[in-house]
């Protein structure tokens, strides 16, 4: 099945004409894929028949922690990185110069981003949006109502077609 092949493998298979000597893959220390590098290379090489000779792939960051790398690169470049392992592309992607995505907020990559608060920089808006939706859905299933400081039902703003029957007041500390 084509959908089971990692997207990045397909992208470098179809990028063989680029003026580069090799492709460097950004798996880092602690990534789940590190123990599968041999299998990843074998999957990549299995496409050799589609191209003259595939350019080599390397993994130069496997002894580096993502957190350390994140603090060494400019924030504008960090904002362009994708760590979600189940990326959902936004519909507007084709209209932009870069790919916009919605993280799943459930995979190991997303958990690392959420738990580290995006390496201490604060969560990007696309993570906040998905997390708010997930928590609103969860509270709605439990029949809770979340009110903002003006008494408006926050969950109905996120899930407008649902009505909650139990009220739960959550106080947010502004400090």
Protein backbone atom coordinates (compact mmCIF):
# COMPACT_ATOMS: atom_id res chain seq x y z
CA UNK A 1 0.00 0.00 0.00
CA UNK A 2 1.37 3.38 -0.99
CA UNK A 3 -0.11 5.07 2.07
CA UNK A 4 2.05 2.94 4.37
CA UNK A 5 5.26 4.31 2.88
CA UNK A 6 6.50 7.30 4.92
CA UNK A 7 5.82 10.52 3.04
CA UNK A 8 9.42 11.67 3.33
CA UNK A 9 10.67 8.50 1.58
CA UNK A 10 8.35 9.14 -1.35
CA UNK A 11 9.40 12.77 -1.48
CA UNK A 12 13.11 11.95 -1.77
CA UNK A 13 12.45 9.19 -4.28
CA UNK A 14 10.74 11.74 -6.51
CA UNK A 15 13.42 14.37 -5.75
CA UNK A 16 16.36 12.48 -7.21
CA UNK A 17 16.85 15.15 -9.91
CA UNK A 18 17.67 17.84 -7.32
CA UNK A 19 21.27 19.11 -7.51
CA UNK A 20 22.38 17.44 -4.26
CA UNK A 21 24.80 14.61 -3.48
CA UNK A 22 22.75 13.03 -0.71
CA UNK A 23 19.61 13.43 1.39
CA UNK A 24 19.99 14.00 5.13
CA UNK A 25 17.16 12.83 7.34
CA UNK A 26 16.52 14.60 10.65
CA UNK A 27 15.83 11.73 13.04
CA UNK A 28 17.35 12.60 16.41
CA UNK A 29 18.31 10.87 19.63
CA UNK A 30 15.16 9.58 21.31
CA UNK A 31 13.07 9.29 18.13
CA UNK A 32 11.24 5.99 17.88
CA UNK A 33 12.57 5.44 14.35
CA UNK A 34 16.23 5.29 15.42
CA UNK A 35 16.02 1.54 16.05
CA UNK A 36 14.67 1.05 12.51
CA UNK A 37 17.35 2.86 10.47
CA UNK A 38 18.43 -0.36 8.73
CA UNK A 39 14.83 -1.11 7.73
CA UNK A 40 14.29 2.49 6.59
CA UNK A 41 17.37 2.29 4.37
CA UNK A 42 16.14 -1.03 2.96
CA UNK A 43 12.71 0.44 2.16
CA UNK A 44 14.40 3.36 0.43
CA UNK A 45 16.72 1.09 -1.57
CA UNK A 46 13.76 -1.05 -2.62
CA UNK A 47 12.77 1.80 -4.95
CA UNK A 48 16.08 1.62 -6.82
CA UNK A 49 14.30 0.30 -9.94
CA UNK A 50 12.30 3.54 -10.27
CA UNK A 51 15.42 5.65 -10.71
CA UNK A 52 18.87 5.22 -12.25
CA UNK A 53 20.62 5.06 -8.89
CA UNK A 54 19.18 6.53 -5.75
CA UNK A 55 21.28 9.13 -3.97
CA UNK A 56 22.40 8.05 -0.51
CA UNK A 57 20.44 8.95 2.61
CA UNK A 58 22.19 9.78 5.87
CA UNK A 59 21.07 10.42 9.43
CA UNK A 60 23.49 13.06 10.79
CA UNK A 61 21.50 13.99 13.91
CA UNK A 62 20.99 10.60 15.57
CA UNK A 63 23.25 11.57 18.49
CA UNK A 64 21.65 14.98 19.06
CA UNK A 65 18.65 15.79 21.25
CA UNK A 66 15.78 17.65 19.57
CA UNK A 67 15.61 20.13 22.43
CA UNK A 68 19.27 21.11 21.96
CA UNK A 69 18.82 21.53 18.21
CA UNK A 70 15.65 23.59 18.70
CA UNK A 71 17.55 26.15 20.78
CA UNK A 72 20.35 26.46 18.21
CA UNK A 73 18.30 27.28 15.12
CA UNK A 74 16.39 30.51 14.44
CA UNK A 75 12.76 30.47 15.64
CA UNK A 76 11.42 31.21 12.14
CA UNK A 77 13.05 27.98 10.89
CA UNK A 78 11.90 26.03 13.92
CA UNK A 79 8.33 27.10 13.13
CA UNK A 80 8.65 25.32 9.77
CA UNK A 81 9.58 21.95 11.28
CA UNK A 82 7.08 19.11 11.44
CA UNK A 83 7.33 16.64 14.30
CA UNK A 84 3.89 15.05 14.07
CA UNK A 85 4.06 11.47 12.83
CA UNK A 86 0.46 11.54 11.56
CA UNK A 87 0.41 14.88 9.75
CA UNK A 88 -2.95 16.09 8.47
CA UNK A 89 -2.48 18.63 5.69
CA UNK A 90 -4.75 21.65 5.65
CA UNK A 91 -6.92 22.22 2.59
CA UNK A 92 -5.20 25.57 1.93
CA UNK A 93 -1.81 23.88 1.51
CA UNK A 94 -1.73 24.13 -2.28
CA UNK A 95 -2.39 27.87 -2.15
CA UNK A 96 0.66 28.62 0.03
CA UNK A 97 4.39 28.63 -0.51
CA UNK A 98 4.82 26.17 2.34
CA UNK A 99 2.84 23.25 3.72
CA UNK A 100 0.40 23.98 6.53
CA UNK A 101 -0.57 21.04 8.68
CA UNK A 102 -2.67 20.08 11.65
CA UNK A 103 -0.89 17.89 14.18
CA UNK A 104 -2.71 14.86 15.55
CA UNK A 105 -1.65 15.72 19.15
CA UNK A 106 -1.66 11.98 19.90
CA UNK A 107 1.54 10.50 18.41
CA UNK A 108 4.88 10.32 20.29
CA UNK A 109 6.24 13.30 18.31
CA UNK A 110 3.27 15.46 19.26
CA UNK A 111 3.49 14.40 22.91
CA UNK A 112 7.12 15.54 23.01
CA UNK A 113 6.16 18.92 21.54
CA UNK A 114 3.22 19.38 23.93
CA UNK A 115 5.09 18.20 27.03
CA UNK A 116 8.07 20.44 26.28
CA UNK A 117 5.79 23.39 25.40
CA UNK A 118 7.52 23.43 22.00
CA UNK A 119 10.96 23.32 23.65
CA UNK A 120 10.03 26.21 25.91
CA UNK A 121 8.97 28.54 23.09
CA UNK A 122 5.21 28.06 23.59
CA UNK A 123 2.94 25.86 21.49
CA UNK A 124 2.31 26.93 17.88
CA UNK A 125 -1.24 27.99 17.06
CA UNK A 126 -1.95 24.79 15.08
CA UNK A 127 -1.25 22.70 18.21
CA UNK A 128 -3.38 24.98 20.40
CA UNK A 129 -6.31 24.72 17.97
CA UNK A 130 -6.25 20.91 17.88
CA UNK A 131 -5.75 20.58 21.65
CA UNK A 132 -8.66 22.90 22.40
CA UNK A 133 -10.88 20.86 20.07
CA UNK A 134 -9.80 17.57 21.68
CA UNK A 135 -10.34 18.81 25.23
CA UNK A 136 -13.66 20.39 24.32
CA UNK A 137 -14.81 17.09 22.80
CA UNK A 138 -13.67 15.22 25.91
CA UNK A 139 -15.47 17.60 28.30
CA UNK A 140 -18.56 17.50 26.12
CA UNK A 141 -18.63 13.69 26.26
CA UNK A 142 -18.51 13.99 30.07
CA UNK A 143 -21.42 16.47 29.88
CA UNK A 144 -19.49 19.37 31.36
CA UNK A 145 -20.01 23.00 30.47
CA UNK A 146 -17.02 25.35 30.44
CA UNK A 147 -17.77 29.04 30.82
CA UNK A 148 -15.49 31.97 30.07
CA UNK A 149 -15.21 35.00 32.35
CA UNK A 150 -18.39 36.49 30.78
CA UNK A 151 -20.42 33.32 31.36
CA UNK A 152 -20.40 32.23 27.69
CA UNK A 153 -20.30 28.51 26.99
CA UNK A 154 -16.79 27.90 25.59
CA UNK A 155 -17.52 24.36 24.44
CA UNK A 156 -20.48 25.46 22.33
CA UNK A 157 -18.12 27.88 20.57
CA UNK A 158 -15.84 24.98 19.64
CA UNK A 159 -18.61 22.39 19.19
CA UNK A 160 -21.60 24.54 18.20
CA UNK A 161 -23.97 21.66 17.50
CA UNK A 162 -23.77 20.17 21.03
CA UNK A 163 -25.40 21.20 24.28
CA UNK A 164 -23.81 20.28 27.61
CA UNK A 165 -26.06 19.57 30.56
CA UNK A 166 -23.68 19.86 33.55
CA UNK A 167 -21.83 23.05 34.44
CA UNK A 168 -18.18 22.98 35.48
CA UNK A 169 -16.53 26.26 36.31
CA UNK A 170 -12.80 26.35 35.60
CA UNK A 171 -10.78 29.26 36.93
CA UNK A 172 -7.67 30.17 34.94
CA UNK A 173 -4.85 31.90 36.74
CA UNK A 174 -3.69 34.88 34.67
CA UNK A 175 -0.21 34.91 36.24
